[in-house]
N, C-alpha and C. Protein backbone atom coordinates (compact mmCIF):
# COMPACT_ATOMS: atom_id res chain seq x y z
N MET A 1 94.18 91.40 122.80
CA MET A 1 94.62 90.80 121.56
C MET A 1 93.49 89.93 121.01
N SER A 2 93.14 90.14 119.74
CA SER A 2 92.10 89.31 119.14
C SER A 2 92.74 88.04 118.60
N HIS A 3 92.01 86.95 118.72
CA HIS A 3 92.54 85.67 118.27
C HIS A 3 91.85 85.25 117.00
N SER A 4 92.60 84.60 116.12
CA SER A 4 92.01 84.03 114.93
C SER A 4 91.14 82.85 115.33
N GLN A 5 90.13 82.61 114.55
CA GLN A 5 89.17 81.55 114.82
C GLN A 5 89.40 80.39 113.85
N ILE A 6 88.96 79.20 114.25
CA ILE A 6 89.05 78.04 113.37
C ILE A 6 88.26 78.37 112.10
N GLY A 7 88.88 78.11 110.96
CA GLY A 7 88.27 78.41 109.66
C GLY A 7 88.76 79.71 109.05
N ASP A 8 89.38 80.59 109.85
CA ASP A 8 89.92 81.86 109.32
C ASP A 8 91.08 81.59 108.37
N ILE A 9 91.17 82.41 107.33
CA ILE A 9 92.32 82.41 106.43
C ILE A 9 93.20 83.57 106.88
N ILE A 10 94.44 83.27 107.24
CA ILE A 10 95.36 84.30 107.74
C ILE A 10 96.72 84.15 107.04
N GLU A 11 97.50 85.19 107.09
CA GLU A 11 98.81 85.18 106.45
C GLU A 11 99.88 85.20 107.52
N GLY A 12 100.86 84.30 107.38
CA GLY A 12 101.92 84.21 108.37
C GLY A 12 103.27 84.01 107.73
N THR A 13 104.30 84.32 108.51
CA THR A 13 105.68 84.20 108.07
C THR A 13 106.35 83.05 108.82
N VAL A 14 107.06 82.21 108.09
CA VAL A 14 107.78 81.08 108.69
C VAL A 14 108.95 81.63 109.49
N VAL A 15 109.02 81.26 110.78
CA VAL A 15 110.12 81.73 111.63
C VAL A 15 111.03 80.60 112.10
N ARG A 16 110.56 79.35 112.06
CA ARG A 16 111.38 78.19 112.41
C ARG A 16 110.97 77.02 111.53
N VAL A 17 111.94 76.22 111.10
CA VAL A 17 111.63 75.05 110.29
C VAL A 17 112.30 73.83 110.90
N TYR A 18 111.54 72.76 110.98
CA TYR A 18 112.00 71.47 111.48
C TYR A 18 111.74 70.43 110.39
N PRO A 19 112.25 69.21 110.53
CA PRO A 19 112.08 68.22 109.45
C PRO A 19 110.62 67.94 109.04
N LYS A 20 109.67 68.03 109.96
CA LYS A 20 108.29 67.68 109.63
C LYS A 20 107.28 68.78 109.92
N TYR A 21 107.72 69.93 110.39
CA TYR A 21 106.78 71.03 110.65
C TYR A 21 107.53 72.35 110.70
N ALA A 22 106.72 73.43 110.65
CA ALA A 22 107.28 74.78 110.73
C ALA A 22 106.43 75.60 111.69
N ILE A 23 107.05 76.60 112.29
CA ILE A 23 106.36 77.55 113.16
C ILE A 23 106.19 78.84 112.37
N LEU A 24 104.96 79.35 112.36
CA LEU A 24 104.66 80.59 111.67
C LEU A 24 104.26 81.66 112.68
N LEU A 25 104.58 82.90 112.35
CA LEU A 25 104.22 84.04 113.17
C LEU A 25 103.19 84.86 112.40
N PHE A 26 102.11 85.23 113.09
CA PHE A 26 101.01 85.97 112.48
C PHE A 26 100.87 87.34 113.13
N ASP A 27 99.99 88.16 112.53
CA ASP A 27 99.67 89.47 113.13
C ASP A 27 99.27 89.28 114.58
N GLU A 28 99.43 90.30 115.35
CA GLU A 28 99.07 90.29 116.77
C GLU A 28 99.92 89.34 117.59
N GLY A 29 101.03 88.83 117.01
CA GLY A 29 101.93 87.97 117.76
C GLY A 29 101.47 86.53 117.90
N GLU A 30 100.41 86.14 117.19
CA GLU A 30 99.94 84.76 117.25
C GLU A 30 100.96 83.84 116.57
N THR A 31 101.03 82.60 117.05
CA THR A 31 101.92 81.61 116.44
C THR A 31 101.12 80.38 116.05
N GLY A 32 101.64 79.65 115.08
CA GLY A 32 100.96 78.45 114.63
C GLY A 32 101.93 77.44 114.09
N LEU A 33 101.46 76.21 114.01
CA LEU A 33 102.26 75.10 113.53
C LEU A 33 101.69 74.61 112.21
N LEU A 34 102.55 74.51 111.20
CA LEU A 34 102.20 73.95 109.90
C LEU A 34 102.90 72.60 109.80
N HIS A 35 102.14 71.51 109.90
CA HIS A 35 102.70 70.15 109.86
C HIS A 35 102.84 69.70 108.40
N ILE A 36 103.78 68.82 108.14
CA ILE A 36 104.03 68.30 106.79
C ILE A 36 102.75 67.75 106.17
N SER A 37 101.87 67.15 106.96
CA SER A 37 100.62 66.57 106.44
C SER A 37 99.64 67.64 105.98
N GLU A 38 99.84 68.89 106.37
CA GLU A 38 98.95 69.98 105.98
C GLU A 38 99.55 70.87 104.89
N LEU A 39 100.66 70.43 104.31
CA LEU A 39 101.33 71.22 103.27
C LEU A 39 100.67 71.02 101.91
N SER A 40 100.37 69.76 101.58
CA SER A 40 99.88 69.45 100.25
C SER A 40 99.06 68.16 100.29
N ASN A 41 98.19 68.00 99.30
CA ASN A 41 97.47 66.74 99.16
C ASN A 41 98.36 65.67 98.54
N SER A 42 99.46 66.08 97.94
CA SER A 42 100.43 65.15 97.37
C SER A 42 101.46 64.77 98.42
N TYR A 43 102.17 63.68 98.17
CA TYR A 43 103.22 63.23 99.09
C TYR A 43 104.37 64.24 99.08
N VAL A 44 104.81 64.64 100.25
CA VAL A 44 105.94 65.56 100.38
C VAL A 44 107.09 64.79 101.03
N ARG A 45 108.14 64.58 100.28
CA ARG A 45 109.29 63.83 100.78
C ARG A 45 110.19 64.72 101.64
N ASN A 46 110.42 65.95 101.17
CA ASN A 46 111.38 66.82 101.84
C ASN A 46 110.69 68.13 102.23
N PHE A 47 110.15 68.20 103.43
CA PHE A 47 109.43 69.36 103.92
C PHE A 47 110.29 70.63 103.83
N THR A 48 111.55 70.53 104.26
CA THR A 48 112.42 71.72 104.28
C THR A 48 112.81 72.17 102.87
N GLY A 49 112.54 71.34 101.86
CA GLY A 49 112.77 71.76 100.49
C GLY A 49 111.68 72.71 100.00
N TYR A 50 110.52 72.65 100.64
CA TYR A 50 109.39 73.50 100.28
C TYR A 50 109.24 74.70 101.20
N VAL A 51 109.47 74.49 102.48
CA VAL A 51 109.20 75.52 103.48
C VAL A 51 110.51 76.02 104.06
N GLN A 52 110.75 77.32 103.96
CA GLN A 52 111.97 77.91 104.50
C GLN A 52 111.65 79.16 105.31
N VAL A 53 112.53 79.48 106.24
CA VAL A 53 112.36 80.67 107.07
C VAL A 53 112.23 81.89 106.16
N GLY A 54 111.24 82.71 106.46
CA GLY A 54 110.98 83.91 105.67
C GLY A 54 109.85 83.75 104.67
N ASN A 55 109.49 82.50 104.31
CA ASN A 55 108.36 82.29 103.40
C ASN A 55 107.08 82.83 104.05
N ILE A 56 106.22 83.40 103.23
CA ILE A 56 104.94 83.92 103.71
C ILE A 56 103.83 83.10 103.05
N TYR A 57 102.91 82.60 103.87
CA TYR A 57 101.83 81.75 103.37
C TYR A 57 100.47 82.24 103.86
N LYS A 58 99.46 82.05 103.01
CA LYS A 58 98.08 82.17 103.45
C LYS A 58 97.68 80.77 103.89
N VAL A 59 97.22 80.64 105.12
CA VAL A 59 96.86 79.34 105.68
C VAL A 59 95.49 79.42 106.34
N LYS A 60 94.89 78.26 106.55
CA LYS A 60 93.60 78.18 107.23
C LYS A 60 93.84 77.65 108.64
N VAL A 61 93.22 78.29 109.63
CA VAL A 61 93.30 77.83 111.01
C VAL A 61 92.43 76.58 111.12
N ILE A 62 93.04 75.44 111.53
CA ILE A 62 92.27 74.19 111.62
C ILE A 62 92.09 73.74 113.07
N ASP A 63 92.85 74.31 113.99
CA ASP A 63 92.70 73.97 115.41
C ASP A 63 93.33 75.08 116.23
N TYR A 64 92.85 75.21 117.46
CA TYR A 64 93.40 76.23 118.36
C TYR A 64 93.46 75.66 119.77
N ASP A 65 94.62 75.78 120.42
CA ASP A 65 94.81 75.33 121.80
C ASP A 65 94.86 76.56 122.69
N PRO A 66 93.75 76.88 123.40
CA PRO A 66 93.72 78.10 124.21
C PRO A 66 94.70 78.06 125.38
N GLU A 67 95.01 76.88 125.90
CA GLU A 67 95.95 76.78 127.02
C GLU A 67 97.35 77.20 126.59
N LYS A 68 97.75 76.79 125.40
CA LYS A 68 99.09 77.13 124.90
C LYS A 68 99.07 78.36 124.01
N ASP A 69 97.85 78.89 123.71
CA ASP A 69 97.69 80.03 122.83
C ASP A 69 98.41 79.77 121.50
N PHE A 70 98.08 78.63 120.90
CA PHE A 70 98.81 78.14 119.74
C PHE A 70 97.82 77.56 118.73
N MET A 71 98.03 77.84 117.44
CA MET A 71 97.14 77.36 116.39
C MET A 71 97.81 76.26 115.58
N LYS A 72 97.00 75.39 115.01
CA LYS A 72 97.44 74.48 113.97
C LYS A 72 96.85 75.02 112.68
N VAL A 73 97.68 75.09 111.64
CA VAL A 73 97.24 75.68 110.39
C VAL A 73 97.48 74.73 109.22
N SER A 74 96.77 74.99 108.13
CA SER A 74 96.86 74.14 106.95
C SER A 74 97.04 74.99 105.70
N LEU A 75 97.99 74.62 104.88
CA LEU A 75 98.18 75.27 103.59
C LEU A 75 97.29 74.59 102.54
N LYS A 76 97.18 73.26 102.62
CA LYS A 76 96.41 72.54 101.60
C LYS A 76 94.91 72.80 101.70
N SER A 77 94.43 73.30 102.81
CA SER A 77 93.00 73.60 102.98
C SER A 77 92.59 74.94 102.40
N VAL A 78 93.56 75.73 101.96
CA VAL A 78 93.26 77.03 101.37
C VAL A 78 93.02 76.82 99.87
N THR A 79 91.82 77.15 99.42
CA THR A 79 91.49 76.95 98.01
C THR A 79 92.22 77.99 97.14
N SER A 80 92.28 77.71 95.84
CA SER A 80 92.93 78.66 94.93
C SER A 80 92.19 79.99 94.92
N GLN A 81 90.85 79.96 95.08
CA GLN A 81 90.08 81.20 95.15
C GLN A 81 90.47 82.00 96.40
N GLU A 82 90.62 81.31 97.53
CA GLU A 82 90.98 81.98 98.78
C GLU A 82 92.41 82.54 98.70
N ARG A 83 93.28 81.87 97.97
CA ARG A 83 94.67 82.37 97.83
C ARG A 83 94.71 83.69 97.07
N LYS A 84 93.79 83.83 96.11
CA LYS A 84 93.77 85.05 95.28
C LYS A 84 93.07 86.21 95.97
N LYS A 85 92.17 85.90 96.90
CA LYS A 85 91.37 86.93 97.56
C LYS A 85 92.26 87.73 98.53
N PRO A 86 92.24 89.05 98.44
CA PRO A 86 93.05 89.84 99.37
C PRO A 86 92.55 89.70 100.80
N LEU A 87 93.48 89.70 101.73
CA LEU A 87 93.13 89.64 103.15
C LEU A 87 92.70 91.01 103.62
N ARG A 88 91.86 91.03 104.65
CA ARG A 88 91.50 92.31 105.25
C ARG A 88 92.71 92.84 105.99
N LYS A 89 93.13 94.02 105.63
CA LYS A 89 94.30 94.63 106.25
C LYS A 89 93.86 95.64 107.29
N LYS A 90 94.68 95.78 108.32
CA LYS A 90 94.41 96.78 109.35
C LYS A 90 94.96 98.11 108.87
N LYS A 91 94.26 99.16 109.21
CA LYS A 91 94.74 100.50 108.87
C LYS A 91 95.86 100.88 109.82
N VAL A 92 96.92 101.44 109.26
CA VAL A 92 98.07 101.86 110.04
C VAL A 92 98.14 103.37 109.99
N ASP A 93 98.36 103.97 111.15
CA ASP A 93 98.49 105.42 111.22
C ASP A 93 99.90 105.79 110.76
N PRO A 94 100.04 106.46 109.61
CA PRO A 94 101.36 106.82 109.09
C PRO A 94 102.16 107.69 110.05
N ALA A 95 101.48 108.40 110.94
CA ALA A 95 102.19 109.25 111.90
C ALA A 95 103.03 108.42 112.86
N GLY A 96 102.67 107.15 113.01
CA GLY A 96 103.41 106.29 113.94
C GLY A 96 104.57 105.55 113.29
N ILE A 97 104.85 105.82 112.01
CA ILE A 97 105.92 105.13 111.30
C ILE A 97 107.06 106.10 111.05
N SER A 98 108.27 105.64 111.34
CA SER A 98 109.45 106.48 111.12
C SER A 98 110.24 105.95 109.93
N PHE A 99 110.55 106.85 109.01
CA PHE A 99 111.35 106.48 107.85
C PHE A 99 112.75 107.10 107.91
N VAL A 100 113.13 107.54 109.09
CA VAL A 100 114.41 108.22 109.26
C VAL A 100 115.58 107.33 108.83
N GLU A 101 115.58 106.09 109.30
CA GLU A 101 116.69 105.18 108.96
C GLU A 101 116.75 104.94 107.45
N LEU A 102 115.61 104.74 106.83
CA LEU A 102 115.56 104.54 105.38
C LEU A 102 116.07 105.78 104.65
N GLU A 103 115.62 106.96 105.07
CA GLU A 103 116.04 108.20 104.43
C GLU A 103 117.55 108.42 104.56
N THR A 104 118.11 107.98 105.69
CA THR A 104 119.55 108.19 105.91
C THR A 104 120.37 107.24 105.06
N LYS A 105 119.94 106.00 104.92
CA LYS A 105 120.74 105.00 104.23
C LYS A 105 120.50 104.96 102.72
N LEU A 106 119.36 105.44 102.26
CA LEU A 106 119.01 105.35 100.85
C LEU A 106 120.07 105.94 99.91
N PRO A 107 120.61 107.14 100.16
CA PRO A 107 121.62 107.68 99.24
C PRO A 107 122.86 106.77 99.13
N ASP A 108 123.29 106.19 100.25
CA ASP A 108 124.44 105.28 100.21
C ASP A 108 124.13 104.02 99.41
N TRP A 109 122.91 103.48 99.56
CA TRP A 109 122.53 102.29 98.83
C TRP A 109 122.48 102.56 97.32
N ILE A 110 122.03 103.76 96.95
CA ILE A 110 121.96 104.11 95.53
C ILE A 110 123.38 104.23 94.97
N LYS A 111 124.27 104.87 95.71
CA LYS A 111 125.67 104.99 95.27
C LYS A 111 126.30 103.61 95.11
N GLU A 112 126.06 102.75 96.10
CA GLU A 112 126.61 101.40 96.07
C GLU A 112 126.09 100.63 94.86
N GLU A 113 124.80 100.74 94.59
CA GLU A 113 124.21 100.04 93.45
C GLU A 113 124.78 100.55 92.14
N ASN A 114 125.10 101.84 92.07
CA ASN A 114 125.65 102.43 90.86
C ASN A 114 127.18 102.31 90.78
N GLY A 115 127.77 101.64 91.76
CA GLY A 115 129.22 101.43 91.77
C GLY A 115 130.01 102.70 92.03
N GLU A 116 129.45 103.60 92.81
CA GLU A 116 130.09 104.88 93.07
C GLU A 116 130.84 104.92 94.41
N ASN A 117 131.06 103.79 95.02
CA ASN A 117 131.77 103.78 96.31
C ASN A 117 133.25 103.88 96.13
């Protein structure tokens, strides 16, 4: 498993939220902590009003604890230019992806959306 380095800009999904910090999950199963102090340069009164489970953020790795295999990340350290720049994506082999479940449920979802149930 490759690890992100301090200074890397990575994209993660919020999986847990606490009053003053959130846990994010990144590619390759890496995890990181986004503390309230790293959310914004402005005062943030209500962290959970801004950060919710499922939110996806581009963040900068500001520290890494190899013993715990855990990163500290910052949202406020990501410049507006870095936010707009696309991340390097890994190529996925389409042969390894199954769309069977989607293909099976799609007709029912379309009927439901059209009120045909």
